[in-house]
Amino acid sequence: MLRGKQTWWFEKRPVIIGAATVVGPDEGDGPLAEDFDLVHPELDMQQKSWEKAERLLLEQAADFALQNARIDKEMVQFFVGGDLMNQIISSSFAARSLGLPYLGVFGACSTSMESLSIAAMLVNSGSADYVLAGTCSHNCTAEKQFRYPTEYGSQKPPTAQYTVTGAGAGLVAASGDGPTIECATIGKIVDLGITDPFNMGAAMAPAAVDTIQAHFNDTGRSPSDYDLIVTGDLAGVGHPLANELLLQNGVPMNDTVFGDCGLMVYDVNRQKVQAGGSGCGCSAVVTYGHLLKRLARGELKRILVVATGALLSPLSFQQGESIPGIAHAVAICGKEG
């Protein structure tokens, strides 16, 4: 199962038999709107707090994923999830509603692929037949916890990113109809000393590069083995940096193959999202919504999703710590992959 130093190879090829995404109004105004299962017209979603709205996103995404898979909740053995909030409360309270055995994980914005990797490992090892993986974020909860409440109206520099309001969930099974999970490369912490929380793309880019190179070293693959390689949320600053670092390290990327979910979820030229999207929901809604649909249509045969995360907290920032980065990569194949 272990290939090389960091890659889990799934011989039994777990299947994503159902997936779903639920997003907020800004994401519904973006270029991928038609690929989402539900678009909420308001940020509060008729909830009493931003945090309760974020929890609702994940609960709804999980319900839609089960419906799309045509699987009863009682058949699912585990739910693996996490988010950006302190003590991952959005996922934990969603797990309370779901009533499933729960593994809470935290990888910041890399949580989408971290949870999917663990779900695939559980299924591939025979430890479960059905595992639900999911994550979420909300623009207003992230602003409130990590920066300033939205009511404050603070200005942000061009390097800042816009947290995606959305949730994505996928149901992983031992067999069935859907894209298969081929392997997962678990990333290492990479920290080059970036301390600016408004420049998280630069903080995460080295981790993305490290994981991509580890994936190629472990599997013997190159960029040409994939129709699409996407980072999680490096956006307009971090993605070009990652491209440059890969080139310096002898791994040139074709622009048509190498993309970023933070640049895909919004129209950065039209919407006021600074450098692009971020948050746990960023790679989740792009992957479980847009990319899986492209695999299903046969437009893509094999993709590598490299979800990126900045592992800072308000406390670590106040203590003057730098921002550690992490990235986890999952290779997903369509029916012909």
C-alpha atoms as a PDB file:
ATOM      1  CA  MET A   1       0.000   0.000   0.000  1.00  0.00           C
ATOM      2  CA  LEU A   2       2.878   2.396   0.753  1.00  0.00           C
ATOM      3  CA  ARG A   3       4.700   3.450  -2.382  1.00  0.00           C
ATOM      4  CA  GLY A   4       7.898   5.406  -1.939  1.00  0.00           C
ATOM      5  CA  LYS A   5       8.046   7.511   1.208  1.00  0.00           C
ATOM      6  CA  GLN A   6       4.772   9.458   1.310  1.00  0.00           C
ATOM      7  CA  THR A   7       2.263   7.877  -1.046  1.00  0.00           C
ATOM      8  CA  TRP A   8      -0.579   5.484  -0.281  1.00  0.00           C
ATOM      9  CA  TRP A   9      -1.339   3.316  -3.320  1.00  0.00           C
ATOM     10  CA  PHE A  10      -4.882   1.984  -3.300  1.00  0.00           C
ATOM     11  CA  GLU A  11      -4.838  -1.411  -5.025  1.00  0.00           C
ATOM     12  CA  LYS A  12      -8.607  -1.884  -4.669  1.00  0.00           C
ATOM     13  CA  ARG A  13      -9.344   1.531  -6.220  1.00  0.00           C
ATOM     14  CA  PRO A  14     -12.036   2.940  -3.899  1.00  0.00           C
ATOM     15  CA  VAL A  15     -14.884   4.643  -5.753  1.00  0.00           C
ATOM     16  CA  ILE A  16     -16.513   8.020  -5.157  1.00  0.00           C
ATOM     17  CA  ILE A  17     -20.084   6.844  -5.699  1.00  0.00           C
ATOM     18  CA  GLY A  18     -21.699  10.143  -4.734  1.00  0.00           C
ATOM     19  CA  ALA A  19     -20.594  13.726  -4.207  1.00  0.00           C
ATOM     20  CA  ALA A  20     -22.266  17.061  -3.620  1.00  0.00           C
ATOM     21  CA  THR A  21     -21.557  20.751  -3.103  1.00  0.00           C
ATOM     22  CA  VAL A  22     -23.489  23.572  -1.454  1.00  0.00           C
ATOM     23  CA  VAL A  23     -22.302  27.174  -1.799  1.00  0.00           C
ATOM     24  CA  GLY A  24     -23.126  30.788  -1.003  1.00  0.00           C
ATOM     25  CA  PRO A  25     -24.125  33.679  -3.263  1.00  0.00           C
ATOM     26  CA  ASP A  26     -20.638  34.758  -4.391  1.00  0.00           C
ATOM     27  CA  GLU A  27     -19.769  31.256  -5.518  1.00  0.00           C
ATOM     28  CA  GLY A  28     -23.120  31.036  -7.243  1.00  0.00           C
ATOM     29  CA  ASP A  29     -22.170  34.189  -9.118  1.00  0.00           C
ATOM     30  CA  GLY A  30     -18.927  32.630 -10.316  1.00  0.00           C
ATOM     31  CA  PRO A  31     -18.063  30.615 -13.430  1.00  0.00           C
ATOM     32  CA  LEU A  32     -18.765  27.190 -11.852  1.00  0.00           C
ATOM     33  CA  ALA A  33     -22.292  27.937 -10.637  1.00  0.00           C
ATOM     34  CA  GLU A  34     -23.963  25.241 -12.751  1.00  0.00           C
ATOM     35  CA  ASP A  35     -21.828  22.526 -11.174  1.00  0.00           C
ATOM     36  CA  PHE A  36     -23.086  23.054  -7.609  1.00  0.00           C
ATOM     37  CA  ASP A  37     -26.009  21.120  -6.117  1.00  0.00           C
ATOM     38  CA  LEU A  38     -27.390  24.085  -4.176  1.00  0.00           C
ATOM     39  CA  VAL A  39     -26.657  27.817  -4.186  1.00  0.00           C
ATOM     40  CA  HIS A  40     -27.835  29.846  -1.202  1.00  0.00           C
ATOM     41  CA  PRO A  41     -28.916  33.378  -2.177  1.00  0.00           C
ATOM     42  CA  GLU A  42     -27.923  34.863   1.204  1.00  0.00           C
ATOM     43  CA  LEU A  43     -24.838  34.443   3.387  1.00  0.00           C
ATOM     44  CA  ASP A  44     -26.821  33.947   6.604  1.00  0.00           C
ATOM     45  CA  MET A  45     -28.953  31.127   5.119  1.00  0.00           C
ATOM     46  CA  GLN A  46     -31.671  32.083   7.624  1.00  0.00           C
ATOM     47  CA  GLN A  47     -29.478  30.959  10.524  1.00  0.00           C
ATOM     48  CA  LYS A  48     -28.847  32.855  13.772  1.00  0.00           C
ATOM     49  CA  SER A  49     -25.054  32.983  13.364  1.00  0.00           C
ATOM     50  CA  TRP A  50     -22.406  32.634  10.659  1.00  0.00           C
ATOM     51  CA  GLU A  51     -21.139  29.490  12.384  1.00  0.00           C
ATOM     52  CA  LYS A  52     -24.567  27.850  12.244  1.00  0.00           C
ATOM     53  CA  ALA A  53     -24.764  28.758   8.566  1.00  0.00           C
ATOM     54  CA  GLU A  54     -21.408  27.075   7.952  1.00  0.00           C
ATOM     55  CA  ARG A  55     -22.570  23.954   9.741  1.00  0.00           C
ATOM     56  CA  LEU A  56     -25.709  23.913   7.583  1.00  0.00           C
ATOM     57  CA  LEU A  57     -23.572  23.953   4.438  1.00  0.00           C
ATOM     58  CA  LEU A  58     -21.833  20.735   5.445  1.00  0.00           C
ATOM     59  CA  GLU A  59     -24.996  19.039   6.646  1.00  0.00           C
ATOM     60  CA  GLN A  60     -26.691  19.762   3.329  1.00  0.00           C
ATOM     61  CA  ALA A  61     -23.674  18.685   1.263  1.00  0.00           C
ATOM     62  CA  ALA A  62     -23.547  15.402   3.178  1.00  0.00           C
ATOM     63  CA  ASP A  63     -27.260  14.792   2.648  1.00  0.00           C
ATOM     64  CA  PHE A  64     -27.011  15.539  -1.066  1.00  0.00           C
ATOM     65  CA  ALA A  65     -23.975  13.261  -1.427  1.00  0.00           C
ATOM     66  CA  LEU A  66     -25.906  10.373   0.122  1.00  0.00           C
ATOM     67  CA  GLN A  67     -28.890  11.090  -2.112  1.00  0.00           C
ATOM     68  CA  ASN A  68     -26.704  11.239  -5.218  1.00  0.00           C
ATOM     69  CA  ALA A  69     -25.140   7.911  -4.244  1.00  0.00           C
ATOM     70  CA  ARG A  70     -28.569   6.401  -3.494  1.00  0.00           C
ATOM     71  CA  ILE A  71     -27.221   5.120  -0.196  1.00  0.00           C
ATOM     72  CA  ASP A  72     -29.023   5.227   3.156  1.00  0.00           C
ATOM     73  CA  LYS A  73     -27.122   6.951   5.929  1.00  0.00           C
ATOM     74  CA  GLU A  74     -27.359   3.796   8.064  1.00  0.00           C
ATOM     75  CA  MET A  75     -25.067   2.001   5.584  1.00  0.00           C
ATOM     76  CA  VAL A  76     -22.198   4.467   6.155  1.00  0.00           C
ATOM     77  CA  GLN A  77     -19.606   3.379   8.730  1.00  0.00           C
ATOM     78  CA  PHE A  78     -17.608   6.589   9.215  1.00  0.00           C
ATOM     79  CA  PHE A  79     -17.654  10.316   8.576  1.00  0.00           C
ATOM     80  CA  VAL A  80     -14.268  12.045   8.178  1.00  0.00           C
ATOM     81  CA  GLY A  81     -14.387  15.832   8.266  1.00  0.00           C
ATOM     82  CA  GLY A  82     -12.828  19.066   9.398  1.00  0.00           C
ATOM     83  CA  ASP A  83     -12.895  22.820   8.903  1.00  0.00           C
ATOM     84  CA  LEU A  84     -11.154  26.077   9.824  1.00  0.00           C
ATOM     85  CA  MET A  85     -12.995  26.917  13.012  1.00  0.00           C
ATOM     86  CA  ASN A  86     -11.520  26.500  16.488  1.00  0.00           C
ATOM     87  CA  GLN A  87     -11.976  22.877  17.577  1.00  0.00           C
ATOM     88  CA  ILE A  88     -13.400  22.165  14.074  1.00  0.00           C
ATOM     89  CA  ILE A  89     -16.862  22.932  15.444  1.00  0.00           C
ATOM     90  CA  SER A  90     -18.609  23.080  12.067  1.00  0.00           C
ATOM     91  CA  SER A  91     -17.692  19.502  11.229  1.00  0.00           C
ATOM     92  CA  SER A  92     -18.190  18.226  14.773  1.00  0.00           C
ATOM     93  CA  PHE A  93     -21.689  19.663  15.050  1.00  0.00           C
ATOM     94  CA  ALA A  94     -22.516  18.414  11.557  1.00  0.00           C
ATOM     95  CA  ALA A  95     -21.340  14.984  12.725  1.00  0.00           C
ATOM     96  CA  ARG A  96     -23.724  15.310  15.657  1.00  0.00           C
ATOM     97  CA  SER A  97     -26.576  15.820  13.208  1.00  0.00           C
ATOM     98  CA  LEU A  98     -25.452  12.968  10.972  1.00  0.00           C
ATOM     99  CA  GLY A  99     -25.149  10.552  13.887  1.00  0.00           C
ATOM    100  CA  LEU A 100     -22.237   8.666  12.286  1.00  0.00           C
ATOM    101  CA  PRO A 101     -18.966   7.456  13.824  1.00  0.00           C
ATOM    102  CA  TYR A 102     -16.715  10.445  13.341  1.00  0.00           C
ATOM    103  CA  LEU A 103     -13.044  11.162  12.717  1.00  0.00           C
ATOM    104  CA  GLY A 104     -12.338  14.882  13.017  1.00  0.00           C
ATOM    105  CA  VAL A 105      -9.280  16.102  11.120  1.00  0.00           C
ATOM    106  CA  PHE A 106      -7.599  19.468  10.685  1.00  0.00           C
ATOM    107  CA  GLY A 107      -5.451  20.424   7.743  1.00  0.00           C
ATOM    108  CA  ALA A 108      -6.754  23.968   7.272  1.00  0.00           C
ATOM    109  CA  CYS A 109      -7.589  24.379   3.584  1.00  0.00           C
ATOM    110  CA  SER A 110      -5.965  21.022   2.755  1.00  0.00           C
ATOM    111  CA  THR A 111      -8.704  19.231   4.706  1.00  0.00           C
ATOM    112  CA  SER A 112     -10.667  18.292   1.578  1.00  0.00           C
ATOM    113  CA  MET A 113      -7.978  15.923   0.328  1.00  0.00           C
ATOM    114  CA  GLU A 114      -6.826  14.913   3.812  1.00  0.00           C
ATOM    115  CA  SER A 115     -10.319  13.636   4.615  1.00  0.00           C
ATOM    116  CA  LEU A 116     -10.690  11.997   1.198  1.00  0.00           C
ATOM    117  CA  SER A 117      -7.300  10.260   1.617  1.00  0.00           C
ATOM    118  CA  ILE A 118      -8.307   8.827   4.996  1.00  0.00           C
ATOM    119  CA  ALA A 119     -11.691   7.729   3.651  1.00  0.00           C
ATOM    120  CA  ALA A 120      -9.996   5.937   0.758  1.00  0.00           C
ATOM    121  CA  MET A 121      -7.490   4.293   3.104  1.00  0.00           C
ATOM    122  CA  LEU A 122     -10.287   2.980   5.348  1.00  0.00           C
ATOM    123  CA  VAL A 123     -12.146   1.511   2.384  1.00  0.00           C
ATOM    124  CA  ASN A 124      -9.058   0.122   0.650  1.00  0.00           C
ATOM    125  CA  SER A 125      -7.899  -1.634   3.842  1.00  0.00           C
ATOM    126  CA  GLY A 126     -11.282  -3.277   4.359  1.00  0.00           C
ATOM    127  CA  SER A 127     -11.962  -1.258   7.514  1.00  0.00           C
ATOM    128  CA  ALA A 128     -15.178   0.121   6.023  1.00  0.00           C
ATOM    129  CA  ASP A 129     -17.504  -0.332   3.064  1.00  0.00           C
ATOM    130  CA  TYR A 130     -18.786   3.250   2.943  1.00  0.00           C
ATOM    131  CA  VAL A 131     -17.049   6.366   4.302  1.00  0.00           C
ATOM    132  CA  LEU A 132     -18.274   9.939   3.947  1.00  0.00           C
ATOM    133  CA  ALA A 133     -15.620  12.653   3.618  1.00  0.00           C
ATOM    134  CA  GLY A 134     -16.365  16.365   3.727  1.00  0.00           C
ATOM    135  CA  THR A 135     -15.338  19.858   4.711  1.00  0.00           C
ATOM    136  CA  CYS A 136     -16.669  23.412   4.693  1.00  0.00           C
ATOM    137  CA  SER A 137     -15.868  27.082   5.175  1.00  0.00           C
ATOM    138  CA  HIS A 138     -17.768  30.351   5.348  1.00  0.00           C
ATOM    139  CA  ASN A 139     -16.419  33.751   4.420  1.00  0.00           C
ATOM    140  CA  CYS A 140     -17.844  35.465   7.483  1.00  0.00           C
ATOM    141  CA  THR A 141     -16.743  32.867  10.042  1.00  0.00           C
ATOM    142  CA  ALA A 142     -13.187  32.924   8.710  1.00  0.00           C
ATOM    143  CA  GLU A 143     -13.072  36.730   8.694  1.00  0.00           C
ATOM    144  CA  LYS A 144     -14.445  36.800  12.220  1.00  0.00           C
ATOM    145  CA  GLN A 145     -11.921  34.305  13.582  1.00  0.00           C
ATOM    146  CA  PHE A 146      -8.756  35.052  11.628  1.00  0.00           C
ATOM    147  CA  ARG A 147      -9.064  38.708  10.644  1.00  0.00           C
ATOM    148  CA  TYR A 148     -11.818  41.232  11.404  1.00  0.00           C
ATOM    149  CA  PRO A 149     -15.603  40.840  11.517  1.00  0.00           C
ATOM    150  CA  THR A 150     -17.240  41.762   8.222  1.00  0.00           C
ATOM    151  CA  GLU A 151     -19.015  44.683   9.920  1.00  0.00           C
ATOM    152  CA  TYR A 152     -15.628  46.305  10.527  1.00  0.00           C
ATOM    153  CA  GLY A 153     -15.139  46.826   6.803  1.00  0.00           C
ATOM    154  CA  SER A 154     -11.341  46.682   6.891  1.00  0.00           C
ATOM    155  CA  GLN A 155      -9.412  47.095   3.660  1.00  0.00           C
ATOM    156  CA  LYS A 156      -7.350  44.187   2.398  1.00  0.00           C
ATOM    157  CA  PRO A 157      -4.189  44.173   0.280  1.00  0.00           C
ATOM    158  CA  PRO A 158      -4.178  42.641  -3.214  1.00  0.00           C
ATOM    159  CA  THR A 159      -2.361  39.563  -1.878  1.00  0.00           C
ATOM    160  CA  ALA A 160      -5.306  38.679   0.392  1.00  0.00           C
ATOM    161  CA  GLN A 161      -7.753  35.962  -0.589  1.00  0.00           C
ATOM    162  CA  TYR A 162     -11.505  35.557  -0.293  1.00  0.00           C
ATOM    163  CA  THR A 163     -12.710  32.634   1.793  1.00  0.00           C
ATOM    164  CA  VAL A 164     -15.154  30.433  -0.097  1.00  0.00           C
ATOM    165  CA  THR A 165     -18.594  29.988   1.446  1.00  0.00           C
ATOM    166  CA  GLY A 166     -19.275  26.388   0.613  1.00  0.00           C
ATOM    167  CA  ALA A 167     -19.085  22.730   1.528  1.00  0.00           C
ATOM    168  CA  GLY A 168     -18.225  19.615  -0.401  1.00  0.00           C
ATOM    169  CA  ALA A 169     -18.739  15.963   0.492  1.00  0.00           C
ATOM    170  CA  GLY A 170     -17.968  12.666  -1.190  1.00  0.00           C
ATOM    171  CA  LEU A 171     -19.082   9.139  -0.366  1.00  0.00           C
ATOM    172  CA  VAL A 172     -16.272   6.608  -0.847  1.00  0.00           C
ATOM    173  CA  ALA A 173     -17.179   2.947  -1.380  1.00  0.00           C
ATOM    174  CA  ALA A 174     -15.440  -0.351  -2.043  1.00  0.00           C
ATOM    175  CA  SER A 175     -17.311  -0.715  -5.343  1.00  0.00           C
ATOM    176  CA  GLY A 176     -19.859   1.045  -7.468  1.00  0.00           C
ATOM    177  CA  ASP A 177     -20.183   3.550 -10.277  1.00  0.00           C
ATOM    178  CA  GLY A 178     -18.037   6.673 -10.230  1.00  0.00           C
ATOM    179  CA  PRO A 179     -14.476   7.983 -10.385  1.00  0.00           C
ATOM    180  CA  THR A 180     -11.839   5.917  -8.598  1.00  0.00           C
ATOM    181  CA  ILE A 181      -9.194   7.045  -6.132  1.00  0.00           C
ATOM    182  CA  GLU A 182      -5.843   5.779  -7.326  1.00  0.00           C
ATOM    183  CA  CYS A 183      -3.412   7.058  -4.696  1.00  0.00           C
ATOM    184  CA  ALA A 184      -2.754   9.811  -2.162  1.00  0.00           C
ATOM    185  CA  THR A 185       0.467  11.589  -1.295  1.00  0.00           C
ATOM    186  CA  ILE A 186       0.557  12.893   2.278  1.00  0.00           C
ATOM    187  CA  GLY A 187       2.465  16.149   2.574  1.00  0.00           C
ATOM    188  CA  LYS A 188       5.048  17.433   5.013  1.00  0.00           C
ATOM    189  CA  ILE A 189       5.077  20.763   6.825  1.00  0.00           C
ATOM    190  CA  VAL A 190       7.051  23.346   4.846  1.00  0.00           C
ATOM    191  CA  ASP A 191       7.697  26.753   6.416  1.00  0.00           C
ATOM    192  CA  LEU A 192       9.865  29.357   4.700  1.00  0.00           C
ATOM    193  CA  GLY A 193       9.171  32.052   7.287  1.00  0.00           C
ATOM    194  CA  ILE A 194       6.203  33.922   5.784  1.00  0.00           C
ATOM    195  CA  THR A 195       4.425  35.814   8.590  1.00  0.00           C
ATOM    196  CA  ASP A 196       1.832  37.858   6.689  1.00  0.00           C
ATOM    197  CA  PRO A 197      -1.671  36.321   7.115  1.00  0.00           C
ATOM    198  CA  PHE A 198      -2.795  38.368   4.118  1.00  0.00           C
ATOM    199  CA  ASN A 199      -0.322  36.529   1.876  1.00  0.00           C
ATOM    200  CA  MET A 200      -1.165  32.903   2.500  1.00  0.00           C
ATOM    201  CA  GLY A 201      -0.689  31.918  -1.121  1.00  0.00           C
ATOM    202  CA  ALA A 202       3.032  32.597  -0.755  1.00  0.00           C
ATOM    203  CA  ALA A 203       3.093  30.694   2.547  1.00  0.00           C
ATOM    204  CA  MET A 204       1.464  27.593   1.039  1.00  0.00           C
ATOM    205  CA  ALA A 205       3.189  27.494  -2.354  1.00  0.00           C
ATOM    206  CA  PRO A 206       6.397  25.756  -1.146  1.00  0.00           C
ATOM    207  CA  ALA A 207       4.342  23.010   0.511  1.00  0.00           C
ATOM    208  CA  ALA A 208       2.415  22.421  -2.717  1.00  0.00           C
ATOM    209  CA  VAL A 209       5.680  22.128  -4.636  1.00  0.00           C
ATOM    210  CA  ASP A 210       7.139  19.736  -2.055  1.00  0.00           C
ATOM    211  CA  THR A 211       4.110  17.426  -2.225  1.00  0.00           C
ATOM    212  CA  ILE A 212       3.921  17.480  -6.022  1.00  0.00           C
ATOM    213  CA  GLN A 213       7.587  16.528  -6.262  1.00  0.00           C
ATOM    214  CA  ALA A 214       7.164  13.826  -3.614  1.00  0.00           C
ATOM    215  CA  HIS A 215       4.227  12.442  -5.591  1.00  0.00           C
ATOM    216  CA  PHE A 216       6.258  12.257  -8.787  1.00  0.00           C
ATOM    217  CA  ASN A 217       9.235  10.696  -6.971  1.00  0.00           C
ATOM    218  CA  ASP A 218       7.084   8.069  -5.239  1.00  0.00           C
ATOM    219  CA  THR A 219       5.018   7.113  -8.280  1.00  0.00           C
ATOM    220  CA  GLY A 220       7.562   7.593 -11.057  1.00  0.00           C
ATOM    221  CA  ARG A 221       5.116   9.892 -12.805  1.00  0.00           C
ATOM    222  CA  SER A 222       5.438  13.295 -14.418  1.00  0.00           C
ATOM    223  CA  PRO A 223       2.994  16.100 -15.297  1.00  0.00           C
ATOM    224  CA  SER A 224       2.265  14.418 -18.627  1.00  0.00           C
ATOM    225  CA  ASP A 225       0.551  11.528 -16.785  1.00  0.00           C
ATOM    226  CA  TYR A 226      -2.281  13.855 -15.766  1.00  0.00           C
ATOM    227  CA  ASP A 227      -4.868  15.753 -17.753  1.00  0.00           C
ATOM    228  CA  LEU A 228      -5.095  18.296 -14.949  1.00  0.00           C
ATOM    229  CA  ILE A 229      -3.119  19.094 -11.803  1.00  0.00           C
ATOM    230  CA  VAL A 230      -4.787  21.619  -9.518  1.00  0.00           C
ATOM    231  CA  THR A 231      -3.591  23.197  -6.297  1.00  0.00           C
ATOM    232  CA  GLY A 232      -6.132  23.982  -3.608  1.00  0.00           C
ATOM    233  CA  ASP A 233      -6.086  27.706  -3.018  1.00  0.00           C
ATOM    234  CA  LEU A 234      -2.781  29.319  -3.913  1.00  0.00           C
ATOM    235  CA  ALA A 235      -4.679  31.873  -6.012  1.00  0.00           C
ATOM    236  CA  GLY A 236      -3.152  34.755  -7.929  1.00  0.00           C
ATOM    237  CA  VAL A 237      -0.003  35.142  -5.825  1.00  0.00           C
ATOM    238  CA  GLY A 238       0.849  31.619  -4.700  1.00  0.00           C
ATOM    239  CA  HIS A 239       0.103  29.748  -7.911  1.00  0.00           C
ATOM    240  CA  PRO A 240       2.655  31.613 -10.068  1.00  0.00           C
ATOM    241  CA  LEU A 241       5.182  31.168  -7.241  1.00  0.00           C
ATOM    242  CA  ALA A 242       4.558  27.421  -7.206  1.00  0.00           C
ATOM    243  CA  ASN A 243       4.941  27.321 -10.977  1.00  0.00           C
ATOM    244  CA  GLU A 244       8.265  29.147 -10.725  1.00  0.00           C
ATOM    245  CA  LEU A 245       9.556  26.905  -7.928  1.00  0.00           C
ATOM    246  CA  LEU A 246       8.637  23.773  -9.871  1.00  0.00           C
ATOM    247  CA  LEU A 247      10.457  25.108 -12.923  1.00  0.00           C
ATOM    248  CA  GLN A 248      13.544  25.863 -10.821  1.00  0.00           C
ATOM    249  CA  ASN A 249      13.422  22.298  -9.492  1.00  0.00           C
ATOM    250  CA  GLY A 250      13.285  20.784 -12.959  1.00  0.00           C
ATOM    251  CA  VAL A 251       9.527  20.138 -13.098  1.00  0.00           C
ATOM    252  CA  PRO A 252       8.132  22.455 -15.784  1.00  0.00           C
ATOM    253  CA  MET A 253       4.347  22.707 -15.862  1.00  0.00           C
ATOM    254  CA  ASN A 254       2.144  23.354 -18.869  1.00  0.00           C
ATOM    255  CA  ASP A 255      -0.332  26.161 -18.116  1.00  0.00           C
ATOM    256  CA  THR A 256      -3.160  24.133 -19.640  1.00  0.00           C
ATOM    257  CA  VAL A 257      -2.436  21.274 -17.203  1.00  0.00           C
ATOM    258  CA  PHE A 258      -1.548  23.195 -14.028  1.00  0.00           C
ATOM    259  CA  GLY A 259      -4.425  25.106 -12.427  1.00  0.00           C
ATOM    260  CA  ASP A 260      -5.673  26.325  -9.067  1.00  0.00           C
ATOM    261  CA  CYS A 261      -9.089  25.968  -7.453  1.00  0.00           C
ATOM    262  CA  GLY A 262      -8.836  29.469  -5.976  1.00  0.00           C
ATOM    263  CA  LEU A 263      -8.596  30.883  -9.484  1.00  0.00           C
ATOM    264  CA  MET A 264     -11.344  28.640 -10.874  1.00  0.00           C
ATOM    265  CA  VAL A 265     -14.152  29.191  -8.366  1.00  0.00           C
ATOM    266  CA  TYR A 266     -14.420  32.959  -8.983  1.00  0.00           C
ATOM    267  CA  ASP A 267     -14.069  35.324 -11.906  1.00  0.00           C
ATOM    268  CA  VAL A 268     -11.151  37.257 -10.420  1.00  0.00           C
ATOM    269  CA  ASN A 269     -11.454  39.991 -13.046  1.00  0.00           C
ATOM    270  CA  ARG A 270     -15.118  40.661 -12.301  1.00  0.00           C
ATOM    271  CA  GLN A 271     -15.700  39.676  -8.670  1.00  0.00           C
ATOM    272  CA  LYS A 272     -14.167  41.477  -5.694  1.00  0.00           C
ATOM    273  CA  VAL A 273     -12.153  38.546  -4.365  1.00  0.00           C
ATOM    274  CA  GLN A 274      -8.648  40.051  -4.233  1.00  0.00           C
ATOM    275  CA  ALA A 275      -6.154  37.350  -5.320  1.00  0.00           C
ATOM    276  CA  GLY A 276      -8.817  34.621  -5.542  1.00  0.00           C
ATOM    277  CA  GLY A 277     -10.519  32.000  -3.419  1.00  0.00           C
ATOM    278  CA  SER A 278      -9.341  30.221  -0.284  1.00  0.00           C
ATOM    279  CA  GLY A 279     -10.759  28.230   2.620  1.00  0.00           C
ATOM    280  CA  CYS A 280     -11.579  24.574   3.227  1.00  0.00           C
ATOM    281  CA  GLY A 281     -14.550  24.893   0.911  1.00  0.00           C
ATOM    282  CA  CYS A 282     -12.445  26.107  -2.012  1.00  0.00           C
ATOM    283  CA  SER A 283     -10.862  22.883  -3.257  1.00  0.00           C
ATOM    284  CA  ALA A 284     -13.853  20.920  -1.918  1.00  0.00           C
ATOM    285  CA  VAL A 285     -16.510  22.616  -4.054  1.00  0.00           C
ATOM    286  CA  VAL A 286     -14.288  22.747  -7.141  1.00  0.00           C
ATOM    287  CA  THR A 287     -13.344  19.066  -6.847  1.00  0.00           C
ATOM    288  CA  TYR A 288     -16.649  17.529  -5.731  1.00  0.00           C
ATOM    289  CA  GLY A 289     -18.623  19.832  -7.990  1.00  0.00           C
ATOM    290  CA  HIS A 290     -16.768  20.845 -11.135  1.00  0.00           C
ATOM    291  CA  LEU A 291     -13.900  18.372 -11.545  1.00  0.00           C
ATOM    292  CA  LEU A 292     -15.811  15.166 -10.824  1.00  0.00           C
ATOM    293  CA  LYS A 293     -18.408  16.212 -13.395  1.00  0.00           C
ATOM    294  CA  ARG A 294     -15.674  16.700 -15.988  1.00  0.00           C
ATOM    295  CA  LEU A 295     -14.345  13.231 -15.180  1.00  0.00           C
ATOM    296  CA  ALA A 296     -17.851  11.793 -15.537  1.00  0.00           C
ATOM    297  CA  ARG A 297     -18.262  13.438 -18.959  1.00  0.00           C
ATOM    298  CA  GLY A 298     -14.949  12.015 -20.131  1.00  0.00           C
ATOM    299  CA  GLU A 299     -13.359  15.443 -20.573  1.00  0.00           C
ATOM    300  CA  LEU A 300     -10.650  14.395 -18.103  1.00  0.00           C
ATOM    301  CA  LYS A 301      -9.285  10.909 -17.482  1.00  0.00           C
ATOM    302  CA  ARG A 302      -6.898  11.408 -14.573  1.00  0.00           C
ATOM    303  CA  ILE A 303      -6.457  14.410 -12.276  1.00  0.00           C
ATOM    304  CA  LEU A 304      -4.247  15.253  -9.309  1.00  0.00           C
ATOM    305  CA  VAL A 305      -5.827  17.494  -6.672  1.00  0.00           C
ATOM    306  CA  VAL A 306      -3.206  19.059  -4.397  1.00  0.00           C
ATOM    307  CA  ALA A 307      -5.149  20.699  -1.574  1.00  0.00           C
ATOM    308  CA  THR A 308      -3.098  23.320   0.270  1.00  0.00           C
ATOM    309  CA  GLY A 309      -3.379  24.585   3.833  1.00  0.00           C
ATOM    310  CA  ALA A 310      -1.904  27.343   5.991  1.00  0.00           C
ATOM    311  CA  LEU A 311      -1.656  25.993   9.535  1.00  0.00           C
ATOM    312  CA  LEU A 312      -1.802  29.259  11.429  1.00  0.00           C
ATOM    313  CA  SER A 313      -4.143  30.352  14.194  1.00  0.00           C
ATOM    314  CA  PRO A 314      -4.929  33.739  15.745  1.00  0.00           C
ATOM    315  CA  LEU A 315      -2.837  32.671  18.739  1.00  0.00           C
ATOM    316  CA  SER A 316       0.223  31.663  16.713  1.00  0.00           C
ATOM    317  CA  PHE A 317       0.015  34.935  14.770  1.00  0.00           C
ATOM    318  CA  GLN A 318      -0.200  36.982  17.981  1.00  0.00           C
ATOM    319  CA  GLN A 319       2.903  35.195  19.264  1.00  0.00           C
ATOM    320  CA  GLY A 320       4.851  36.150  16.153  1.00  0.00           C
ATOM    321  CA  GLU A 321       5.039  32.675  14.650  1.00  0.00           C
ATOM    322  CA  SER A 322       5.495  32.122  10.926  1.00  0.00           C
ATOM    323  CA  ILE A 323       2.888  30.289   8.831  1.00  0.00           C
ATOM    324  CA  PRO A 324       3.503  26.554   8.285  1.00  0.00           C
ATOM    325  CA  GLY A 325       2.189  25.169   5.015  1.00  0.00           C
ATOM    326  CA  ILE A 326       0.895  21.705   4.153  1.00  0.00           C
ATOM    327  CA  ALA A 327      -0.428  20.036   1.011  1.00  0.00           C
ATOM    328  CA  HIS A 328      -2.039  16.651   0.378  1.00  0.00           C
ATOM    329  CA  ALA A 329      -2.461  15.232  -3.120  1.00  0.00           C
ATOM    330  CA  VAL A 330      -5.049  12.743  -4.366  1.00  0.00           C
ATOM    331  CA  ALA A 331      -5.049  11.154  -7.827  1.00  0.00           C
ATOM    332  CA  ILE A 332      -8.579  10.536  -9.147  1.00  0.00           C
ATOM    333  CA  CYS A 333      -9.420   8.660 -12.341  1.00  0.00           C
ATOM    334  CA  GLY A 334     -12.495   8.635 -14.525  1.00  0.00           C
ATOM    335  CA  LYS A 335     -13.975   5.453 -15.951  1.00  0.00           C
ATOM    336  CA  GLU A 336     -11.389   5.331 -18.722  1.00  0.00           C
ATOM    337  CA  GLY A 337      -8.452   6.375 -16.498  1.00  0.00           C
END
